[in-house]
């Protein structure tokens, strides 16, 4: 993956999700679509973590 050469820890995970939350909130999606997108983004954020802590 493209992020592999970079340290991605819990702090990076949390920061990315904060930014994604702002972006998703600005889309004005229907609740079900918003939930599906958010669930995917949470999954993606967890999968990018490659460093403990």
PDB file of N, CA and C in Angstrom:
ATOM      1  N   UNK A   1       0.841  -1.195   0.000  1.00  0.00           N
ATOM      2  CA  UNK A   1       0.000   0.000   0.000  1.00  0.00           C
ATOM      3  C   UNK A   1       0.878   1.247   0.000  1.00  0.00           C
ATOM      4  N   UNK A   2       0.316   2.303  -0.470  1.00  0.00           N
ATOM      5  CA  UNK A   2       1.084   3.542  -0.597  1.00  0.00           C
ATOM      6  C   UNK A   2       1.530   4.106   0.738  1.00  0.00           C
ATOM      7  N   UNK A   3       0.799   3.829   1.794  1.00  0.00           N
ATOM      8  CA  UNK A   3       1.155   4.388   3.105  1.00  0.00           C
ATOM      9  C   UNK A   3       2.216   3.557   3.821  1.00  0.00           C
ATOM     10  N   UNK A   4       2.584   2.401   3.289  1.00  0.00           N
ATOM     11  CA  UNK A   4       3.495   1.485   3.970  1.00  0.00           C
ATOM     12  C   UNK A   4       4.822   2.112   4.392  1.00  0.00           C
ATOM     13  N   UNK A   5       5.434   3.003   3.595  1.00  0.00           N
ATOM     14  CA  UNK A   5       6.717   3.559   4.040  1.00  0.00           C
ATOM     15  C   UNK A   5       6.587   4.574   5.183  1.00  0.00           C
ATOM     16  N   UNK A   6       5.383   4.919   5.566  1.00  0.00           N
ATOM     17  CA  UNK A   6       5.163   5.944   6.577  1.00  0.00           C
ATOM     18  C   UNK A   6       4.677   5.324   7.878  1.00  0.00           C
ATOM     19  N   UNK A   7       5.014   5.947   8.979  1.00  0.00           N
ATOM     20  CA  UNK A   7       4.507   5.522  10.280  1.00  0.00           C
ATOM     21  C   UNK A   7       3.055   5.974  10.387  1.00  0.00           C
ATOM     22  N   UNK A   8       2.171   5.012  10.570  1.00  0.00           N
ATOM     23  CA  UNK A   8       0.755   5.310  10.786  1.00  0.00           C
ATOM     24  C   UNK A   8       0.379   4.664  12.111  1.00  0.00           C
ATOM     25  N   UNK A   9       0.256   5.520  13.136  1.00  0.00           N
ATOM     26  CA  UNK A   9      -0.063   5.034  14.471  1.00  0.00           C
ATOM     27  C   UNK A   9      -1.483   5.450  14.853  1.00  0.00           C
ATOM     28  N   UNK A  10      -1.844   5.207  16.099  1.00  0.00           N
ATOM     29  CA  UNK A  10      -3.196   5.538  16.555  1.00  0.00           C
ATOM     30  C   UNK A  10      -3.477   7.033  16.443  1.00  0.00           C
ATOM     31  N   UNK A  11      -2.478   7.857  16.694  1.00  0.00           N
ATOM     32  CA  UNK A  11      -2.681   9.306  16.587  1.00  0.00           C
ATOM     33  C   UNK A  11      -2.991   9.705  15.142  1.00  0.00           C
ATOM     34  N   UNK A  12      -2.298   9.105  14.181  1.00  0.00           N
ATOM     35  CA  UNK A  12      -2.567   9.391  12.768  1.00  0.00           C
ATOM     36  C   UNK A  12      -3.959   8.879  12.385  1.00  0.00           C
ATOM     37  N   UNK A  13      -4.300   7.705  12.868  1.00  0.00           N
ATOM     38  CA  UNK A  13      -5.630   7.128  12.658  1.00  0.00           C
ATOM     39  C   UNK A  13      -6.707   8.099  13.136  1.00  0.00           C
ATOM     40  N   UNK A  14      -6.545   8.577  14.354  1.00  0.00           N
ATOM     41  CA  UNK A  14      -7.543   9.477  14.946  1.00  0.00           C
ATOM     42  C   UNK A  14      -7.631  10.797  14.195  1.00  0.00           C
ATOM     43  N   UNK A  15      -6.480  11.349  13.816  1.00  0.00           N
ATOM     44  CA  UNK A  15      -6.463  12.622  13.086  1.00  0.00           C
ATOM     45  C   UNK A  15      -7.150  12.477  11.731  1.00  0.00           C
ATOM     46  N   UNK A  16      -6.868  11.385  11.032  1.00  0.00           N
ATOM     47  CA  UNK A  16      -7.474  11.155   9.721  1.00  0.00           C
ATOM     48  C   UNK A  16      -8.988  11.037   9.849  1.00  0.00           C
ATOM     49  N   UNK A  17      -9.437  10.284  10.862  1.00  0.00           N
ATOM     50  CA  UNK A  17     -10.881  10.144  11.046  1.00  0.00           C
ATOM     51  C   UNK A  17     -11.549  11.465  11.427  1.00  0.00           C
ATOM     52  N   UNK A  18     -10.864  12.302  12.190  1.00  0.00           N
ATOM     53  CA  UNK A  18     -11.439  13.629  12.504  1.00  0.00           C
ATOM     54  C   UNK A  18     -11.662  14.421  11.219  1.00  0.00           C
ATOM     55  N   UNK A  19     -10.678  14.396  10.330  1.00  0.00           N
ATOM     56  CA  UNK A  19     -10.821  15.111   9.058  1.00  0.00           C
ATOM     57  C   UNK A  19     -11.906  14.494   8.191  1.00  0.00           C
ATOM     58  N   UNK A  20     -11.976  13.184   8.170  1.00  0.00           N
ATOM     59  CA  UNK A  20     -13.013  12.513   7.387  1.00  0.00           C
ATOM     60  C   UNK A  20     -14.402  12.795   7.947  1.00  0.00           C
ATOM     61  N   UNK A  21     -14.514  12.898   9.292  1.00  0.00           N
ATOM     62  CA  UNK A  21     -15.808  13.205   9.908  1.00  0.00           C
ATOM     63  C   UNK A  21     -16.299  14.574   9.431  1.00  0.00           C
ATOM     64  N   UNK A  22     -15.388  15.551   9.408  1.00  0.00           N
ATOM     65  CA  UNK A  22     -15.752  16.888   8.921  1.00  0.00           C
ATOM     66  C   UNK A  22     -16.208  16.829   7.470  1.00  0.00           C
ATOM     67  N   UNK A  23     -15.479  16.076   6.660  1.00  0.00           N
ATOM     68  CA  UNK A  23     -15.826  15.965   5.241  1.00  0.00           C
ATOM     69  C   UNK A  23     -17.178  15.277   5.056  1.00  0.00           C
ATOM     70  N   UNK A  24     -17.392  14.176   5.758  1.00  0.00           N
ATOM     71  CA  UNK A  24     -18.650  13.436   5.624  1.00  0.00           C
ATOM     72  C   UNK A  24     -19.823  14.283   6.111  1.00  0.00           C
ATOM     73  N   UNK A  25     -19.637  14.988   7.201  1.00  0.00           N
ATOM     74  CA  UNK A  25     -20.713  15.833   7.719  1.00  0.00           C
ATOM     75  C   UNK A  25     -21.114  16.911   6.710  1.00  0.00           C
ATOM     76  N   UNK A  26     -20.170  17.356   5.909  1.00  0.00           N
ATOM     77  CA  UNK A  26     -20.447  18.390   4.908  1.00  0.00           C
ATOM     78  C   UNK A  26     -21.149  17.880   3.662  1.00  0.00           C
ATOM     79  N   UNK A  27     -21.295  16.579   3.519  1.00  0.00           N
ATOM     80  CA  UNK A  27     -21.900  16.014   2.313  1.00  0.00           C
ATOM     81  C   UNK A  27     -23.419  16.035   2.330  1.00  0.00           C
ATOM     82  N   UNK A  28     -24.006  16.037   3.507  1.00  0.00           N
ATOM     83  CA  UNK A  28     -25.464  16.042   3.595  1.00  0.00           C
ATOM     84  C   UNK A  28     -26.094  14.759   3.069  1.00  0.00           C
ATOM     85  N   UNK A  29     -25.470  13.642   3.335  1.00  0.00           N
ATOM     86  CA  UNK A  29     -25.977  12.354   2.864  1.00  0.00           C
ATOM     87  C   UNK A  29     -27.198  11.903   3.671  1.00  0.00           C
ATOM     88  N   UNK A  30     -27.970  11.029   3.052  1.00  0.00           N
ATOM     89  CA  UNK A  30     -29.047  10.373   3.781  1.00  0.00           C
ATOM     90  C   UNK A  30     -28.412   9.523   4.875  1.00  0.00           C
ATOM     91  N   UNK A  31     -29.094   9.361   6.009  1.00  0.00           N
ATOM     92  CA  UNK A  31     -28.496   8.655   7.147  1.00  0.00           C
ATOM     93  C   UNK A  31     -27.916   7.273   6.822  1.00  0.00           C
ATOM     94  N   UNK A  32     -28.622   6.475   6.041  1.00  0.00           N
ATOM     95  CA  UNK A  32     -28.129   5.133   5.723  1.00  0.00           C
ATOM     96  C   UNK A  32     -26.850   5.199   4.890  1.00  0.00           C
ATOM     97  N   UNK A  33     -26.792   6.103   3.927  1.00  0.00           N
ATOM     98  CA  UNK A  33     -25.583   6.245   3.118  1.00  0.00           C
ATOM     99  C   UNK A  33     -24.433   6.794   3.950  1.00  0.00           C
ATOM    100  N   UNK A  34     -24.740   7.718   4.827  1.00  0.00           N
ATOM    101  CA  UNK A  34     -23.711   8.272   5.716  1.00  0.00           C
ATOM    102  C   UNK A  34     -23.133   7.170   6.607  1.00  0.00           C
ATOM    103  N   UNK A  35     -23.982   6.308   7.128  1.00  0.00           N
ATOM    104  CA  UNK A  35     -23.528   5.221   7.992  1.00  0.00           C
ATOM    105  C   UNK A  35     -22.646   4.249   7.228  1.00  0.00           C
ATOM    106  N   UNK A  36     -23.044   3.909   6.013  1.00  0.00           N
ATOM    107  CA  UNK A  36     -22.245   2.993   5.203  1.00  0.00           C
ATOM    108  C   UNK A  36     -20.874   3.579   4.900  1.00  0.00           C
ATOM    109  N   UNK A  37     -20.838   4.848   4.522  1.00  0.00           N
ATOM    110  CA  UNK A  37     -19.568   5.503   4.229  1.00  0.00           C
ATOM    111  C   UNK A  37     -18.707   5.574   5.484  1.00  0.00           C
ATOM    112  N   UNK A  38     -19.309   5.963   6.602  1.00  0.00           N
ATOM    113  CA  UNK A  38     -18.541   6.087   7.844  1.00  0.00           C
ATOM    114  C   UNK A  38     -17.988   4.735   8.288  1.00  0.00           C
ATOM    115  N   UNK A  39     -18.789   3.701   8.190  1.00  0.00           N
ATOM    116  CA  UNK A  39     -18.304   2.371   8.546  1.00  0.00           C
ATOM    117  C   UNK A  39     -17.088   1.989   7.715  1.00  0.00           C
ATOM    118  N   UNK A  40     -17.137   2.287   6.421  1.00  0.00           N
ATOM    119  CA  UNK A  40     -15.994   1.982   5.556  1.00  0.00           C
ATOM    120  C   UNK A  40     -14.762   2.798   5.963  1.00  0.00           C
ATOM    121  N   UNK A  41     -14.948   4.072   6.250  1.00  0.00           N
ATOM    122  CA  UNK A  41     -13.812   4.924   6.612  1.00  0.00           C
ATOM    123  C   UNK A  41     -13.177   4.467   7.919  1.00  0.00           C
ATOM    124  N   UNK A  42     -13.975   4.039   8.881  1.00  0.00           N
ATOM    125  CA  UNK A  42     -13.431   3.515  10.137  1.00  0.00           C
ATOM    126  C   UNK A  42     -12.615   2.249   9.853  1.00  0.00           C
ATOM    127  N   UNK A  43     -13.151   1.375   9.011  1.00  0.00           N
ATOM    128  CA  UNK A  43     -12.429   0.163   8.620  1.00  0.00           C
ATOM    129  C   UNK A  43     -11.112   0.521   7.920  1.00  0.00           C
ATOM    130  N   UNK A  44     -11.170   1.458   6.989  1.00  0.00           N
ATOM    131  CA  UNK A  44      -9.971   1.865   6.256  1.00  0.00           C
ATOM    132  C   UNK A  44      -8.932   2.453   7.192  1.00  0.00           C
ATOM    133  N   UNK A  45      -9.360   3.273   8.132  1.00  0.00           N
ATOM    134  CA  UNK A  45      -8.416   3.875   9.082  1.00  0.00           C
ATOM    135  C   UNK A  45      -7.719   2.804   9.903  1.00  0.00           C
ATOM    136  N   UNK A  46      -8.476   1.802  10.347  1.00  0.00           N
ATOM    137  CA  UNK A  46      -7.864   0.724  11.133  1.00  0.00           C
ATOM    138  C   UNK A  46      -6.867  -0.070  10.288  1.00  0.00           C
ATOM    139  N   UNK A  47      -7.181  -0.264   9.022  1.00  0.00           N
ATOM    140  CA  UNK A  47      -6.306  -1.071   8.178  1.00  0.00           C
ATOM    141  C   UNK A  47      -5.009  -0.350   7.820  1.00  0.00           C
ATOM    142  N   UNK A  48      -4.974   0.954   7.952  1.00  0.00           N
ATOM    143  CA  UNK A  48      -3.750   1.711   7.637  1.00  0.00           C
ATOM    144  C   UNK A  48      -2.746   1.744   8.789  1.00  0.00           C
ATOM    145  N   UNK A  49      -3.200   1.469   9.993  1.00  0.00           N
ATOM    146  CA  UNK A  49      -2.291   1.508  11.156  1.00  0.00           C
ATOM    147  C   UNK A  49      -1.227   0.422  10.983  1.00  0.00           C
ATOM    148  N   UNK A  50       0.040   0.851  11.058  1.00  0.00           N
ATOM    149  CA  UNK A  50       1.141  -0.091  10.893  1.00  0.00           C
ATOM    150  C   UNK A  50       2.190   0.027  11.989  1.00  0.00           C
ATOM    151  N   UNK A  51       1.891   0.830  13.007  1.00  0.00           N
ATOM    152  CA  UNK A  51       2.820   1.045  14.116  1.00  0.00           C
ATOM    153  C   UNK A  51       2.024   1.085  15.419  1.00  0.00           C
ATOM    154  N   UNK A  52       2.406   0.293  16.403  1.00  0.00           N
ATOM    155  CA  UNK A  52       1.683   0.340  17.675  1.00  0.00           C
ATOM    156  C   UNK A  52       1.884   1.693  18.380  1.00  0.00           C
ATOM    157  N   UNK A  53       0.897   2.045  19.166  1.00  0.00           N
ATOM    158  CA  UNK A  53       1.018   3.267  19.965  1.00  0.00           C
ATOM    159  C   UNK A  53       0.313   4.364  19.389  1.00  0.00           C
TER     160      UNK A  53
END
